[in-house]
Structures are given as C-alpha cells and as structure tokens.
Amino acid sequence: MEEFSKIEKFVIAYIWHEFFGKLYFSSSDKPEDFLAKTIASELIKEKEMRKRQELTKLIAQAINKLKEYWILQVSGYEVTLTSYGQNLAQSIPKAEYEKLKNEISAGKFK
C-alpha cells in the first residue's frame, strides 16, 4: 500500500469501514465530486472552507486514481470497492483508518 497517498488510503478505508465496501447516493453532481464533497464536509468544519475545498479536490483526484487502478468502481448512483479494492481495504486496520481520519481532520493531508 506504500504506492498510495494518505488520502487514497483513507478513501479506500472510509468506504470499507464506514459503508462495508459499497455506498449509494443521489445527486446531480458527478459521483466523484459528490463523494469528495461529502467526505470533506464530514472531516473539515464549515468555518475552515479553504481547507475543505483543498481536501475536496484531493479526494476527487484520489477517487479518479482509484478508479483507474480498478480499486473503485463508480456506476450510476453507486460507489463500490472492487474485489482488489476489498483486499487492499482489509489490509488497513480500523485503528489505522481512525489515525488517518484524525490526521486528515487536523489538516495533515500529505
């Protein structure tokens, strides 16, 4: 997992630990943008809009990379970890996921 950034690891772990590998949504936005905004708004307070916007951009980039590597599959209103993505996600323990979440919430994106 060393070839993945902190944000990419977090996205994989987030989908696995929070949604058991699959989540559904309804929005007119592109799935990548909607998911990025949703995750960023959970982690960064509204008063820190600049950090939230930066994180949203980084998460959207991570989602696109994970799609290219066949780790995530985005179709319609569904985002799913592929079987490869599930294997990677299982290698990220809940404690490491919580650590990543806390670091990213504190603004440590890299």
N, C-alpha and C. Protein backbone atom coordinates (compact mmCIF):
# COMPACT_ATOMS: atom_id res chain seq x y z
N MET A 1 0.82 -1.21 0.00
CA MET A 1 0.00 0.00 0.00
C MET A 1 0.86 1.26 0.00
N GLU A 2 2.16 1.10 -0.05
CA GLU A 2 3.04 2.26 0.00
C GLU A 2 2.90 3.17 -1.22
N GLU A 3 2.43 2.63 -2.35
CA GLU A 3 2.32 3.44 -3.55
C GLU A 3 1.11 4.38 -3.52
N PHE A 4 0.28 4.27 -2.50
CA PHE A 4 -0.89 5.13 -2.38
C PHE A 4 -0.65 6.26 -1.39
N SER A 5 -1.23 7.41 -1.69
CA SER A 5 -1.11 8.56 -0.80
C SER A 5 -1.99 8.36 0.44
N LYS A 6 -1.81 9.23 1.41
CA LYS A 6 -2.62 9.19 2.63
C LYS A 6 -4.10 9.32 2.29
N ILE A 7 -4.43 10.23 1.38
CA ILE A 7 -5.82 10.46 1.01
C ILE A 7 -6.40 9.23 0.31
N GLU A 8 -5.62 8.62 -0.58
CA GLU A 8 -6.09 7.43 -1.29
C GLU A 8 -6.34 6.27 -0.33
N LYS A 9 -5.42 6.07 0.61
CA LYS A 9 -5.61 5.02 1.63
C LYS A 9 -6.87 5.31 2.45
N PHE A 10 -7.04 6.59 2.80
CA PHE A 10 -8.20 6.97 3.60
C PHE A 10 -9.50 6.68 2.85
N VAL A 11 -9.56 7.03 1.57
CA VAL A 11 -10.78 6.80 0.79
C VAL A 11 -11.11 5.31 0.75
N ILE A 12 -10.11 4.49 0.51
CA ILE A 12 -10.32 3.03 0.49
C ILE A 12 -10.86 2.57 1.85
N ALA A 13 -10.19 2.98 2.92
CA ALA A 13 -10.59 2.56 4.27
C ALA A 13 -11.95 3.13 4.65
N TYR A 14 -12.23 4.37 4.26
CA TYR A 14 -13.51 5.02 4.56
C TYR A 14 -14.67 4.22 3.97
N ILE A 15 -14.55 3.88 2.70
CA ILE A 15 -15.62 3.13 2.05
C ILE A 15 -15.77 1.75 2.68
N TRP A 16 -14.66 1.15 3.06
CA TRP A 16 -14.70 -0.19 3.66
C TRP A 16 -15.27 -0.16 5.08
N HIS A 17 -14.70 0.68 5.93
CA HIS A 17 -15.06 0.67 7.35
C HIS A 17 -16.39 1.36 7.64
N GLU A 18 -16.74 2.36 6.85
CA GLU A 18 -17.99 3.09 7.11
C GLU A 18 -19.18 2.51 6.34
N PHE A 19 -18.93 1.95 5.17
CA PHE A 19 -20.03 1.50 4.31
C PHE A 19 -19.89 0.05 3.84
N PHE A 20 -18.97 -0.69 4.44
CA PHE A 20 -18.78 -2.11 4.12
C PHE A 20 -18.49 -2.34 2.64
N GLY A 21 -17.83 -1.37 2.01
CA GLY A 21 -17.36 -1.55 0.64
C GLY A 21 -18.28 -1.05 -0.45
N LYS A 22 -19.46 -0.56 -0.09
CA LYS A 22 -20.40 -0.11 -1.12
C LYS A 22 -21.28 1.00 -0.55
N LEU A 23 -21.44 2.08 -1.33
CA LEU A 23 -22.35 3.11 -0.89
C LEU A 23 -23.17 3.63 -2.05
N TYR A 24 -24.37 4.06 -1.71
CA TYR A 24 -25.30 4.59 -2.70
C TYR A 24 -25.52 6.06 -2.37
N PHE A 25 -25.84 6.83 -3.40
CA PHE A 25 -26.09 8.25 -3.20
C PHE A 25 -27.03 8.72 -4.30
N SER A 26 -27.61 9.89 -4.10
CA SER A 26 -28.42 10.51 -5.15
C SER A 26 -28.03 11.97 -5.24
N SER A 27 -27.57 12.35 -6.40
CA SER A 27 -27.14 13.73 -6.63
C SER A 27 -27.03 13.94 -8.13
N SER A 28 -27.17 15.19 -8.53
CA SER A 28 -26.98 15.50 -9.95
C SER A 28 -25.51 15.79 -10.26
N ASP A 29 -24.68 15.89 -9.21
CA ASP A 29 -23.23 16.08 -9.40
C ASP A 29 -22.60 14.79 -9.92
N LYS A 30 -21.40 14.92 -10.46
CA LYS A 30 -20.63 13.73 -10.83
C LYS A 30 -20.38 12.94 -9.54
N PRO A 31 -20.39 11.62 -9.60
CA PRO A 31 -20.19 10.81 -8.39
C PRO A 31 -18.91 11.16 -7.64
N GLU A 32 -17.83 11.39 -8.39
CA GLU A 32 -16.54 11.71 -7.77
C GLU A 32 -16.63 13.00 -6.97
N ASP A 33 -17.29 14.01 -7.57
CA ASP A 33 -17.41 15.31 -6.90
C ASP A 33 -18.32 15.22 -5.68
N PHE A 34 -19.44 14.53 -5.83
CA PHE A 34 -20.37 14.39 -4.72
C PHE A 34 -19.71 13.68 -3.54
N LEU A 35 -19.06 12.56 -3.83
CA LEU A 35 -18.41 11.79 -2.77
C LEU A 35 -17.30 12.61 -2.11
N ALA A 36 -16.51 13.31 -2.91
CA ALA A 36 -15.42 14.14 -2.37
C ALA A 36 -15.97 15.23 -1.45
N LYS A 37 -17.03 15.90 -1.88
CA LYS A 37 -17.64 16.96 -1.05
C LYS A 37 -18.21 16.38 0.24
N THR A 38 -18.85 15.24 0.13
CA THR A 38 -19.47 14.61 1.30
C THR A 38 -18.41 14.23 2.33
N ILE A 39 -17.35 13.57 1.88
CA ILE A 39 -16.30 13.15 2.81
C ILE A 39 -15.62 14.37 3.43
N ALA A 40 -15.29 15.36 2.60
CA ALA A 40 -14.61 16.56 3.11
C ALA A 40 -15.47 17.29 4.13
N SER A 41 -16.78 17.35 3.89
CA SER A 41 -17.65 18.06 4.84
C SER A 41 -17.77 17.31 6.16
N GLU A 42 -17.58 16.00 6.15
CA GLU A 42 -17.58 15.23 7.40
C GLU A 42 -16.32 15.48 8.21
N LEU A 43 -15.22 15.77 7.53
CA LEU A 43 -13.92 15.87 8.20
C LEU A 43 -13.52 17.29 8.58
N ILE A 44 -13.86 18.26 7.76
CA ILE A 44 -13.41 19.64 7.98
C ILE A 44 -14.62 20.53 8.26
N LYS A 45 -14.52 21.31 9.31
CA LYS A 45 -15.62 22.20 9.71
C LYS A 45 -15.89 23.24 8.63
N GLU A 46 -17.13 23.72 8.59
CA GLU A 46 -17.54 24.68 7.57
C GLU A 46 -16.76 25.99 7.66
N LYS A 47 -16.35 26.38 8.86
CA LYS A 47 -15.62 27.64 9.00
C LYS A 47 -14.22 27.58 8.39
N GLU A 48 -13.73 26.38 8.13
CA GLU A 48 -12.41 26.21 7.50
C GLU A 48 -12.60 25.85 6.03
N MET A 49 -13.29 26.73 5.32
CA MET A 49 -13.70 26.46 3.94
C MET A 49 -12.51 26.23 3.00
N ARG A 50 -11.42 26.94 3.21
CA ARG A 50 -10.26 26.77 2.33
C ARG A 50 -9.68 25.36 2.44
N LYS A 51 -9.54 24.89 3.67
CA LYS A 51 -9.05 23.52 3.88
C LYS A 51 -10.02 22.50 3.30
N ARG A 52 -11.32 22.76 3.49
CA ARG A 52 -12.32 21.84 2.99
C ARG A 52 -12.27 21.76 1.46
N GLN A 53 -12.09 22.90 0.81
CA GLN A 53 -12.01 22.91 -0.65
C GLN A 53 -10.76 22.18 -1.14
N GLU A 54 -9.65 22.38 -0.45
CA GLU A 54 -8.41 21.68 -0.81
C GLU A 54 -8.59 20.17 -0.65
N LEU A 55 -9.20 19.77 0.46
CA LEU A 55 -9.42 18.34 0.70
C LEU A 55 -10.38 17.76 -0.33
N THR A 56 -11.42 18.49 -0.68
CA THR A 56 -12.37 18.03 -1.70
C THR A 56 -11.65 17.74 -3.01
N LYS A 57 -10.77 18.64 -3.40
CA LYS A 57 -10.01 18.46 -4.64
C LYS A 57 -9.12 17.22 -4.55
N LEU A 58 -8.43 17.05 -3.42
CA LEU A 58 -7.54 15.89 -3.24
C LEU A 58 -8.32 14.57 -3.23
N ILE A 59 -9.49 14.57 -2.61
CA ILE A 59 -10.30 13.35 -2.58
C ILE A 59 -10.81 13.01 -3.97
N ALA A 60 -11.26 14.01 -4.72
CA ALA A 60 -11.73 13.76 -6.09
C ALA A 60 -10.60 13.18 -6.94
N GLN A 61 -9.39 13.71 -6.79
CA GLN A 61 -8.24 13.17 -7.52
C GLN A 61 -7.96 11.73 -7.10
N ALA A 62 -8.06 11.47 -5.80
CA ALA A 62 -7.83 10.11 -5.29
C ALA A 62 -8.86 9.14 -5.85
N ILE A 63 -10.11 9.55 -5.88
CA ILE A 63 -11.16 8.69 -6.41
C ILE A 63 -10.89 8.36 -7.87
N ASN A 64 -10.50 9.36 -8.64
CA ASN A 64 -10.19 9.12 -10.06
C ASN A 64 -9.03 8.15 -10.22
N LYS A 65 -7.98 8.30 -9.41
CA LYS A 65 -6.85 7.38 -9.48
C LYS A 65 -7.27 5.97 -9.09
N LEU A 66 -8.07 5.86 -8.05
CA LEU A 66 -8.52 4.54 -7.59
C LEU A 66 -9.42 3.87 -8.63
N LYS A 67 -10.16 4.66 -9.38
CA LYS A 67 -10.96 4.10 -10.48
C LYS A 67 -10.03 3.58 -11.58
N GLU A 68 -9.01 4.35 -11.91
CA GLU A 68 -8.06 3.95 -12.96
C GLU A 68 -7.34 2.65 -12.59
N TYR A 69 -7.06 2.46 -11.31
CA TYR A 69 -6.36 1.26 -10.84
C TYR A 69 -7.33 0.11 -10.55
N TRP A 70 -8.60 0.25 -10.89
CA TRP A 70 -9.63 -0.75 -10.67
C TRP A 70 -9.77 -1.14 -9.20
N ILE A 71 -9.63 -0.14 -8.34
CA ILE A 71 -9.84 -0.36 -6.91
C ILE A 71 -11.27 0.04 -6.54
N LEU A 72 -11.75 1.10 -7.20
CA LEU A 72 -13.12 1.58 -7.03
C LEU A 72 -13.85 1.44 -8.35
N GLN A 73 -15.12 1.15 -8.25
CA GLN A 73 -15.98 1.16 -9.42
C GLN A 73 -17.11 2.13 -9.14
N VAL A 74 -17.32 3.06 -10.06
CA VAL A 74 -18.38 4.05 -9.92
C VAL A 74 -19.35 3.83 -11.07
N SER A 75 -20.60 3.56 -10.73
CA SER A 75 -21.60 3.38 -11.78
C SER A 75 -22.94 3.92 -11.29
N GLY A 76 -23.50 4.81 -12.07
CA GLY A 76 -24.78 5.40 -11.70
C GLY A 76 -24.71 6.08 -10.35
N TYR A 77 -25.47 5.55 -9.41
CA TYR A 77 -25.53 6.12 -8.06
C TYR A 77 -24.88 5.20 -7.03
N GLU A 78 -23.84 4.50 -7.45
CA GLU A 78 -23.21 3.52 -6.58
C GLU A 78 -21.68 3.62 -6.70
N VAL A 79 -21.03 3.58 -5.55
CA VAL A 79 -19.57 3.51 -5.50
C VAL A 79 -19.24 2.22 -4.75
N THR A 80 -18.43 1.37 -5.37
CA THR A 80 -18.14 0.05 -4.82
C THR A 80 -16.65 -0.23 -4.87
N LEU A 81 -16.14 -0.84 -3.82
CA LEU A 81 -14.78 -1.36 -3.88
C LEU A 81 -14.81 -2.64 -4.72
N THR A 82 -13.90 -2.76 -5.66
CA THR A 82 -13.78 -3.99 -6.43
C THR A 82 -13.21 -5.07 -5.52
N SER A 83 -13.12 -6.29 -6.01
CA SER A 83 -12.53 -7.36 -5.18
C SER A 83 -11.09 -7.02 -4.83
N TYR A 84 -10.36 -6.42 -5.77
CA TYR A 84 -8.99 -5.96 -5.49
C TYR A 84 -9.02 -4.87 -4.42
N GLY A 85 -9.96 -3.93 -4.54
CA GLY A 85 -10.09 -2.87 -3.55
C GLY A 85 -10.44 -3.40 -2.17
N GLN A 86 -11.28 -4.43 -2.13
CA GLN A 86 -11.64 -5.04 -0.85
C GLN A 86 -10.43 -5.69 -0.19
N ASN A 87 -9.61 -6.35 -1.00
CA ASN A 87 -8.38 -6.95 -0.46
C ASN A 87 -7.46 -5.89 0.12
N LEU A 88 -7.32 -4.77 -0.59
CA LEU A 88 -6.50 -3.68 -0.08
C LEU A 88 -7.10 -3.10 1.20
N ALA A 89 -8.41 -2.91 1.19
CA ALA A 89 -9.09 -2.32 2.35
C ALA A 89 -8.94 -3.19 3.59
N GLN A 90 -8.97 -4.50 3.42
CA GLN A 90 -8.83 -5.40 4.55
C GLN A 90 -7.44 -5.32 5.17
N SER A 91 -6.48 -4.81 4.41
CA SER A 91 -5.12 -4.67 4.95
C SER A 91 -4.95 -3.37 5.74
N ILE A 92 -6.00 -2.55 5.79
CA ILE A 92 -5.96 -1.30 6.57
C ILE A 92 -6.81 -1.52 7.82
N PRO A 93 -6.17 -1.76 8.97
CA PRO A 93 -6.94 -1.99 10.20
C PRO A 93 -7.75 -0.76 10.60
N LYS A 94 -8.79 -0.99 11.37
CA LYS A 94 -9.66 0.09 11.85
C LYS A 94 -8.85 1.16 12.58
N ALA A 95 -7.86 0.76 13.36
CA ALA A 95 -7.03 1.72 14.11
C ALA A 95 -6.26 2.63 13.15
N GLU A 96 -5.72 2.07 12.07
CA GLU A 96 -5.01 2.89 11.09
C GLU A 96 -5.97 3.83 10.38
N TYR A 97 -7.17 3.33 10.07
CA TYR A 97 -8.20 4.18 9.46
C TYR A 97 -8.53 5.36 10.36
N GLU A 98 -8.72 5.11 11.65
CA GLU A 98 -9.03 6.19 12.60
C GLU A 98 -7.88 7.20 12.67
N LYS A 99 -6.65 6.70 12.64
CA LYS A 99 -5.48 7.58 12.67
C LYS A 99 -5.45 8.47 11.42
N LEU A 100 -5.68 7.88 10.25
CA LEU A 100 -5.73 8.65 9.01
C LEU A 100 -6.83 9.70 9.08
N LYS A 101 -7.99 9.30 9.58
CA LYS A 101 -9.13 10.20 9.69
C LYS A 101 -8.80 11.39 10.59
N ASN A 102 -8.16 11.13 11.73
CA ASN A 102 -7.79 12.21 12.65
C ASN A 102 -6.75 13.14 12.05
N GLU A 103 -5.76 12.58 11.37
CA GLU A 103 -4.73 13.41 10.75
C GLU A 103 -5.32 14.29 9.66
N ILE A 104 -6.16 13.72 8.83
CA ILE A 104 -6.78 14.49 7.74
C ILE A 104 -7.71 15.55 8.31
N SER A 105 -8.46 15.22 9.35
CA SER A 105 -9.34 16.20 10.00
C SER A 105 -8.55 17.37 10.58
N ALA A 106 -7.31 17.09 10.98
CA ALA A 106 -6.44 18.14 11.53
C ALA A 106 -5.73 18.94 10.44
N GLY A 107 -5.98 18.60 9.18
CA GLY A 107 -5.39 19.35 8.08
C GLY A 107 -4.08 18.79 7.56
N LYS A 108 -3.69 17.61 8.03
CA LYS A 108 -2.45 16.97 7.56
C LYS A 108 -2.81 16.06 6.40
N PHE A 109 -2.80 16.64 5.20
CA PHE A 109 -3.26 15.91 4.01
C PHE A 109 -2.17 15.07 3.36
N LYS A 110 -0.91 15.35 3.66
CA LYS A 110 0.19 14.63 3.00
C LYS A 110 0.99 13.84 3.99
